[in-house]
Amino acid sequence: MKFRELNPSQQIIVRRLALGLSLTGLGIRQELLSLVRLGLVTGNRDFPQLTDAGFACLHATPSEGPSG
């Protein structure tokens, strides 16, 4: 799965988890469950973590801007 294939809410979750930021107060329960089903996130809603597939999805994003 590619990062751009995720909906905006899912992208926010993946980015925040990658940065180690809290998901508290985002109201993301359904989106988090969908990411778990996709195999991108593991754990529970209190302690979610990106899986290797989640990091791969995030890093498979083509770089933006002009190429060097």
PDB file of N, CA and C in Angstrom:
ATOM      1  N   MET A   1       0.838  -1.178   0.000  1.00  0.00           N
ATOM      2  CA  MET A   1       0.000   0.000   0.000  1.00  0.00           C
ATOM      3  C   MET A   1       0.884   1.243   0.000  1.00  0.00           C
ATOM      4  N   LYS A   2       0.450   2.236  -0.728  1.00  0.00           N
ATOM      5  CA  LYS A   2       1.197   3.487  -0.792  1.00  0.00           C
ATOM      6  C   LYS A   2       0.555   4.520   0.111  1.00  0.00           C
ATOM      7  N   PHE A   3       1.375   5.381   0.660  1.00  0.00           N
ATOM      8  CA  PHE A   3       0.916   6.404   1.594  1.00  0.00           C
ATOM      9  C   PHE A   3      -0.199   7.246   0.986  1.00  0.00           C
ATOM     10  N   ARG A   4      -0.069   7.598  -0.264  1.00  0.00           N
ATOM     11  CA  ARG A   4      -1.068   8.467  -0.897  1.00  0.00           C
ATOM     12  C   ARG A   4      -2.404   7.763  -1.098  1.00  0.00           C
ATOM     13  N   GLU A   5      -2.429   6.434  -0.980  1.00  0.00           N
ATOM     14  CA  GLU A   5      -3.676   5.682  -1.075  1.00  0.00           C
ATOM     15  C   GLU A   5      -4.493   5.747   0.210  1.00  0.00           C
ATOM     16  N   LEU A   6      -3.867   6.176   1.295  1.00  0.00           N
ATOM     17  CA  LEU A   6      -4.570   6.328   2.567  1.00  0.00           C
ATOM     18  C   LEU A   6      -5.395   7.607   2.542  1.00  0.00           C
ATOM     19  N   ASN A   7      -6.486   7.613   3.300  1.00  0.00           N
ATOM     20  CA  ASN A   7      -7.262   8.847   3.371  1.00  0.00           C
ATOM     21  C   ASN A   7      -6.519   9.831   4.282  1.00  0.00           C
ATOM     22  N   PRO A   8      -6.878  11.116   4.256  1.00  0.00           N
ATOM     23  CA  PRO A   8      -6.145  12.117   5.038  1.00  0.00           C
ATOM     24  C   PRO A   8      -6.061  11.798   6.535  1.00  0.00           C
ATOM     25  N   SER A   9      -7.116  11.259   7.118  1.00  0.00           N
ATOM     26  CA  SER A   9      -7.081  10.914   8.542  1.00  0.00           C
ATOM     27  C   SER A   9      -6.071   9.808   8.813  1.00  0.00           C
ATOM     28  N   GLN A  10      -6.030   8.823   7.937  1.00  0.00           N
ATOM     29  CA  GLN A  10      -5.068   7.730   8.094  1.00  0.00           C
ATOM     30  C   GLN A  10      -3.647   8.237   7.916  1.00  0.00           C
ATOM     31  N   GLN A  11      -3.436   9.161   6.987  1.00  0.00           N
ATOM     32  CA  GLN A  11      -2.107   9.738   6.781  1.00  0.00           C
ATOM     33  C   GLN A  11      -1.630  10.463   8.029  1.00  0.00           C
ATOM     34  N   ILE A  12      -2.532  11.195   8.675  1.00  0.00           N
ATOM     35  CA  ILE A  12      -2.175  11.907   9.904  1.00  0.00           C
ATOM     36  C   ILE A  12      -1.748  10.918  10.980  1.00  0.00           C
ATOM     37  N   ILE A  13      -2.496   9.833  11.122  1.00  0.00           N
ATOM     38  CA  ILE A  13      -2.167   8.830  12.133  1.00  0.00           C
ATOM     39  C   ILE A  13      -0.794   8.236  11.859  1.00  0.00           C
ATOM     40  N   VAL A  14      -0.541   7.827  10.632  1.00  0.00           N
ATOM     41  CA  VAL A  14       0.745   7.215  10.278  1.00  0.00           C
ATOM     42  C   VAL A  14       1.885   8.198  10.535  1.00  0.00           C
ATOM     43  N   ARG A  15       1.731   9.434  10.134  1.00  0.00           N
ATOM     44  CA  ARG A  15       2.787  10.436  10.356  1.00  0.00           C
ATOM     45  C   ARG A  15       3.036  10.672  11.839  1.00  0.00           C
ATOM     46  N   ARG A  16       1.969  10.815  12.619  1.00  0.00           N
ATOM     47  CA  ARG A  16       2.119  11.061  14.059  1.00  0.00           C
ATOM     48  C   ARG A  16       2.784   9.878  14.755  1.00  0.00           C
ATOM     49  N   LEU A  17       2.400   8.654  14.383  1.00  0.00           N
ATOM     50  CA  LEU A  17       3.030   7.479  14.986  1.00  0.00           C
ATOM     51  C   LEU A  17       4.510   7.405  14.610  1.00  0.00           C
ATOM     52  N   ALA A  18       4.831   7.725  13.378  1.00  0.00           N
ATOM     53  CA  ALA A  18       6.226   7.701  12.937  1.00  0.00           C
ATOM     54  C   ALA A  18       7.076   8.703  13.714  1.00  0.00           C
ATOM     55  N   LEU A  19       6.466   9.815  14.088  1.00  0.00           N
ATOM     56  CA  LEU A  19       7.181  10.847  14.836  1.00  0.00           C
ATOM     57  C   LEU A  19       7.126  10.637  16.343  1.00  0.00           C
ATOM     58  N   GLY A  20       6.380   9.619  16.778  1.00  0.00           N
ATOM     59  CA  GLY A  20       6.260   9.345  18.201  1.00  0.00           C
ATOM     60  C   GLY A  20       5.321  10.307  18.917  1.00  0.00           C
ATOM     61  N   LEU A  21       4.424  10.927  18.177  1.00  0.00           N
ATOM     62  CA  LEU A  21       3.496  11.884  18.771  1.00  0.00           C
ATOM     63  C   LEU A  21       2.232  11.176  19.254  1.00  0.00           C
ATOM     64  N   SER A  22       1.560  11.796  20.182  1.00  0.00           N
ATOM     65  CA  SER A  22       0.334  11.249  20.753  1.00  0.00           C
ATOM     66  C   SER A  22      -0.834  11.347  19.776  1.00  0.00           C
ATOM     67  N   LEU A  23      -1.748  10.398  19.895  1.00  0.00           N
ATOM     68  CA  LEU A  23      -2.977  10.424  19.104  1.00  0.00           C
ATOM     69  C   LEU A  23      -4.167  10.844  19.969  1.00  0.00           C
ATOM     70  N   THR A  24      -3.911  11.204  21.216  1.00  0.00           N
ATOM     71  CA  THR A  24      -4.959  11.563  22.157  1.00  0.00           C
ATOM     72  C   THR A  24      -5.811  12.702  21.635  1.00  0.00           C
ATOM     73  N   GLY A  25      -7.119  12.534  21.730  1.00  0.00           N
ATOM     74  CA  GLY A  25      -8.051  13.596  21.379  1.00  0.00           C
ATOM     75  C   GLY A  25      -8.316  13.765  19.900  1.00  0.00           C
ATOM     76  N   LEU A  26      -7.809  12.865  19.075  1.00  0.00           N
ATOM     77  CA  LEU A  26      -8.019  13.003  17.634  1.00  0.00           C
ATOM     78  C   LEU A  26      -9.305  12.343  17.158  1.00  0.00           C
ATOM     79  N   GLY A  27      -9.927  11.503  18.001  1.00  0.00           N
ATOM     80  CA  GLY A  27     -11.150  10.818  17.595  1.00  0.00           C
ATOM     81  C   GLY A  27     -10.924   9.905  16.401  1.00  0.00           C
ATOM     82  N   ILE A  28      -9.930   9.055  16.491  1.00  0.00           N
ATOM     83  CA  ILE A  28      -9.480   8.286  15.334  1.00  0.00           C
ATOM     84  C   ILE A  28      -9.726   6.788  15.467  1.00  0.00           C
ATOM     85  N   ARG A  29     -10.601   6.388  16.324  1.00  0.00           N
ATOM     86  CA  ARG A  29     -10.780   4.962  16.603  1.00  0.00           C
ATOM     87  C   ARG A  29     -11.043   4.144  15.335  1.00  0.00           C
ATOM     88  N   GLN A  30     -12.011   4.554  14.515  1.00  0.00           N
ATOM     89  CA  GLN A  30     -12.331   3.805  13.298  1.00  0.00           C
ATOM     90  C   GLN A  30     -11.152   3.785  12.327  1.00  0.00           C
ATOM     91  N   GLU A  31     -10.480   4.927  12.172  1.00  0.00           N
ATOM     92  CA  GLU A  31      -9.333   4.988  11.255  1.00  0.00           C
ATOM     93  C   GLU A  31      -8.197   4.104  11.756  1.00  0.00           C
ATOM     94  N   LEU A  32      -7.992   4.096  13.062  1.00  0.00           N
ATOM     95  CA  LEU A  32      -6.936   3.267  13.638  1.00  0.00           C
ATOM     96  C   LEU A  32      -7.244   1.786  13.393  1.00  0.00           C
ATOM     97  N   LEU A  33      -8.508   1.394  13.571  1.00  0.00           N
ATOM     98  CA  LEU A  33      -8.902   0.005  13.305  1.00  0.00           C
ATOM     99  C   LEU A  33      -8.685  -0.365  11.841  1.00  0.00           C
ATOM    100  N   SER A  34      -8.955   0.556  10.937  1.00  0.00           N
ATOM    101  CA  SER A  34      -8.749   0.253   9.519  1.00  0.00           C
ATOM    102  C   SER A  34      -7.258   0.086   9.215  1.00  0.00           C
ATOM    103  N   LEU A  35      -6.403   0.863   9.876  1.00  0.00           N
ATOM    104  CA  LEU A  35      -4.958   0.725   9.681  1.00  0.00           C
ATOM    105  C   LEU A  35      -4.448  -0.592  10.254  1.00  0.00           C
ATOM    106  N   VAL A  36      -5.063  -1.040  11.354  1.00  0.00           N
ATOM    107  CA  VAL A  36      -4.709  -2.344  11.929  1.00  0.00           C
ATOM    108  C   VAL A  36      -5.087  -3.443  10.941  1.00  0.00           C
ATOM    109  N   ARG A  37      -6.271  -3.350  10.355  1.00  0.00           N
ATOM    110  CA  ARG A  37      -6.710  -4.355   9.368  1.00  0.00           C
ATOM    111  C   ARG A  37      -5.797  -4.379   8.146  1.00  0.00           C
ATOM    112  N   LEU A  38      -5.267  -3.220   7.775  1.00  0.00           N
ATOM    113  CA  LEU A  38      -4.351  -3.143   6.633  1.00  0.00           C
ATOM    114  C   LEU A  38      -2.953  -3.649   6.981  1.00  0.00           C
ATOM    115  N   GLY A  39      -2.686  -3.864   8.277  1.00  0.00           N
ATOM    116  CA  GLY A  39      -1.385  -4.346   8.712  1.00  0.00           C
ATOM    117  C   GLY A  39      -0.337  -3.252   8.862  1.00  0.00           C
ATOM    118  N   LEU A  40      -0.787  -1.994   8.896  1.00  0.00           N
ATOM    119  CA  LEU A  40       0.151  -0.876   9.014  1.00  0.00           C
ATOM    120  C   LEU A  40       0.399  -0.462  10.457  1.00  0.00           C
ATOM    121  N   VAL A  41      -0.527  -0.829  11.341  1.00  0.00           N
ATOM    122  CA  VAL A  41      -0.440  -0.453  12.758  1.00  0.00           C
ATOM    123  C   VAL A  41      -0.715  -1.691  13.598  1.00  0.00           C
ATOM    124  N   THR A  42      -0.056  -1.783  14.743  1.00  0.00           N
ATOM    125  CA  THR A  42      -0.282  -2.871  15.681  1.00  0.00           C
ATOM    126  C   THR A  42      -0.510  -2.290  17.065  1.00  0.00           C
ATOM    127  N   GLY A  43      -0.879  -3.114  18.002  1.00  0.00           N
ATOM    128  CA  GLY A  43      -1.130  -2.651  19.361  1.00  0.00           C
ATOM    129  C   GLY A  43      -2.591  -2.303  19.548  1.00  0.00           C
ATOM    130  N   ASN A  44      -2.874  -1.553  20.600  1.00  0.00           N
ATOM    131  CA  ASN A  44      -4.248  -1.142  20.868  1.00  0.00           C
ATOM    132  C   ASN A  44      -4.358   0.372  20.766  1.00  0.00           C
ATOM    133  N   ARG A  45      -5.557   0.888  20.995  1.00  0.00           N
ATOM    134  CA  ARG A  45      -5.736   2.332  20.797  1.00  0.00           C
ATOM    135  C   ARG A  45      -4.968   3.170  21.813  1.00  0.00           C
ATOM    136  N   ASP A  46      -4.600   2.569  22.950  1.00  0.00           N
ATOM    137  CA  ASP A  46      -3.827   3.304  23.942  1.00  0.00           C
ATOM    138  C   ASP A  46      -2.335   3.334  23.616  1.00  0.00           C
ATOM    139  N   PHE A  47      -1.848   2.283  22.958  1.00  0.00           N
ATOM    140  CA  PHE A  47      -0.424   2.187  22.636  1.00  0.00           C
ATOM    141  C   PHE A  47      -0.211   1.659  21.217  1.00  0.00           C
ATOM    142  N   PRO A  48      -0.694   2.384  20.213  1.00  0.00           N
ATOM    143  CA  PRO A  48      -0.506   1.924  18.837  1.00  0.00           C
ATOM    144  C   PRO A  48       0.932   2.140  18.369  1.00  0.00           C
ATOM    145  N   GLN A  49       1.380   1.293  17.466  1.00  0.00           N
ATOM    146  CA  GLN A  49       2.716   1.413  16.894  1.00  0.00           C
ATOM    147  C   GLN A  49       2.645   1.072  15.410  1.00  0.00           C
ATOM    148  N   LEU A  50       3.499   1.714  14.632  1.00  0.00           N
ATOM    149  CA  LEU A  50       3.593   1.360  13.214  1.00  0.00           C
ATOM    150  C   LEU A  50       4.299   0.024  13.077  1.00  0.00           C
ATOM    151  N   THR A  51       3.836  -0.779  12.164  1.00  0.00           N
ATOM    152  CA  THR A  51       4.517  -2.026  11.829  1.00  0.00           C
ATOM    153  C   THR A  51       5.596  -1.707  10.792  1.00  0.00           C
ATOM    154  N   ASP A  52       6.369  -2.715  10.439  1.00  0.00           N
ATOM    155  CA  ASP A  52       7.361  -2.524   9.373  1.00  0.00           C
ATOM    156  C   ASP A  52       6.667  -2.106   8.083  1.00  0.00           C
ATOM    157  N   ALA A  53       5.487  -2.689   7.832  1.00  0.00           N
ATOM    158  CA  ALA A  53       4.724  -2.319   6.637  1.00  0.00           C
ATOM    159  C   ALA A  53       4.265  -0.860   6.715  1.00  0.00           C
ATOM    160  N   GLY A  54       3.944  -0.390   7.915  1.00  0.00           N
ATOM    161  CA  GLY A  54       3.546   1.005   8.093  1.00  0.00           C
ATOM    162  C   GLY A  54       4.687   1.963   7.782  1.00  0.00           C
ATOM    163  N   PHE A  55       5.884   1.640   8.272  1.00  0.00           N
ATOM    164  CA  PHE A  55       7.050   2.473   7.965  1.00  0.00           C
ATOM    165  C   PHE A  55       7.377   2.413   6.480  1.00  0.00           C
ATOM    166  N   ALA A  56       7.259   1.220   5.885  1.00  0.00           N
ATOM    167  CA  ALA A  56       7.536   1.080   4.451  1.00  0.00           C
ATOM    168  C   ALA A  56       6.555   1.915   3.634  1.00  0.00           C
ATOM    169  N   CYS A  57       5.299   1.915   4.049  1.00  0.00           N
ATOM    170  CA  CYS A  57       4.275   2.714   3.370  1.00  0.00           C
ATOM    171  C   CYS A  57       4.640   4.194   3.427  1.00  0.00           C
ATOM    172  N   LEU A  58       5.052   4.632   4.590  1.00  0.00           N
ATOM    173  CA  LEU A  58       5.410   6.043   4.783  1.00  0.00           C
ATOM    174  C   LEU A  58       6.632   6.417   3.953  1.00  0.00           C
ATOM    175  N   HIS A  59       7.626   5.555   3.936  1.00  0.00           N
ATOM    176  CA  HIS A  59       8.871   5.883   3.244  1.00  0.00           C
ATOM    177  C   HIS A  59       8.826   5.595   1.751  1.00  0.00           C
ATOM    178  N   ALA A  60       7.764   4.950   1.275  1.00  0.00           N
ATOM    179  CA  ALA A  60       7.621   4.693  -0.145  1.00  0.00           C
ATOM    180  C   ALA A  60       7.041   5.910  -0.872  1.00  0.00           C
ATOM    181  N   THR A  61       6.735   6.955  -0.113  1.00  0.00           N
ATOM    182  CA  THR A  61       6.190   8.166  -0.701  1.00  0.00           C
ATOM    183  C   THR A  61       7.261   8.829  -1.563  1.00  0.00           C
ATOM    184  N   PRO A  62       6.930   9.140  -2.814  1.00  0.00           N
ATOM    185  CA  PRO A  62       7.923   9.826  -3.658  1.00  0.00           C
ATOM    186  C   PRO A  62       8.251  11.192  -3.077  1.00  0.00           C
ATOM    187  N   SER A  63       9.506  11.554  -3.141  1.00  0.00           N
ATOM    188  CA  SER A  63       9.893  12.863  -2.613  1.00  0.00           C
ATOM    189  C   SER A  63       9.266  13.971  -3.454  1.00  0.00           C
ATOM    190  N   GLU A  64       8.912  15.029  -2.768  1.00  0.00           N
ATOM    191  CA  GLU A  64       8.292  16.164  -3.461  1.00  0.00           C
ATOM    192  C   GLU A  64       9.360  17.206  -3.784  1.00  0.00           C
ATOM    193  N   GLY A  65       9.099  17.964  -4.787  1.00  0.00           N
ATOM    194  CA  GLY A  65      10.025  19.010  -5.150  1.00  0.00           C
ATOM    195  C   GLY A  65      10.922  18.588  -6.311  1.00  0.00           C
ATOM    196  N   PRO A  66      11.757  19.509  -6.770  1.00  0.00           N
ATOM    197  CA  PRO A  66      12.628  19.214  -7.909  1.00  0.00           C
ATOM    198  C   PRO A  66      13.719  18.198  -7.527  1.00  0.00           C
ATOM    199  N   SER A  67      14.036  17.346  -8.457  1.00  0.00           N
ATOM    200  CA  SER A  67      15.102  16.379  -8.186  1.00  0.00           C
ATOM    201  C   SER A  67      16.452  17.045  -8.424  1.00  0.00           C
ATOM    202  N   GLY A  68      17.427  16.624  -7.600  1.00  0.00           N
ATOM    203  CA  GLY A  68      18.733  17.230  -7.541  1.00  0.00           C
ATOM    204  C   GLY A  68      19.516  17.175  -8.753  1.00  0.00           C
TER     205      GLY A  68
END
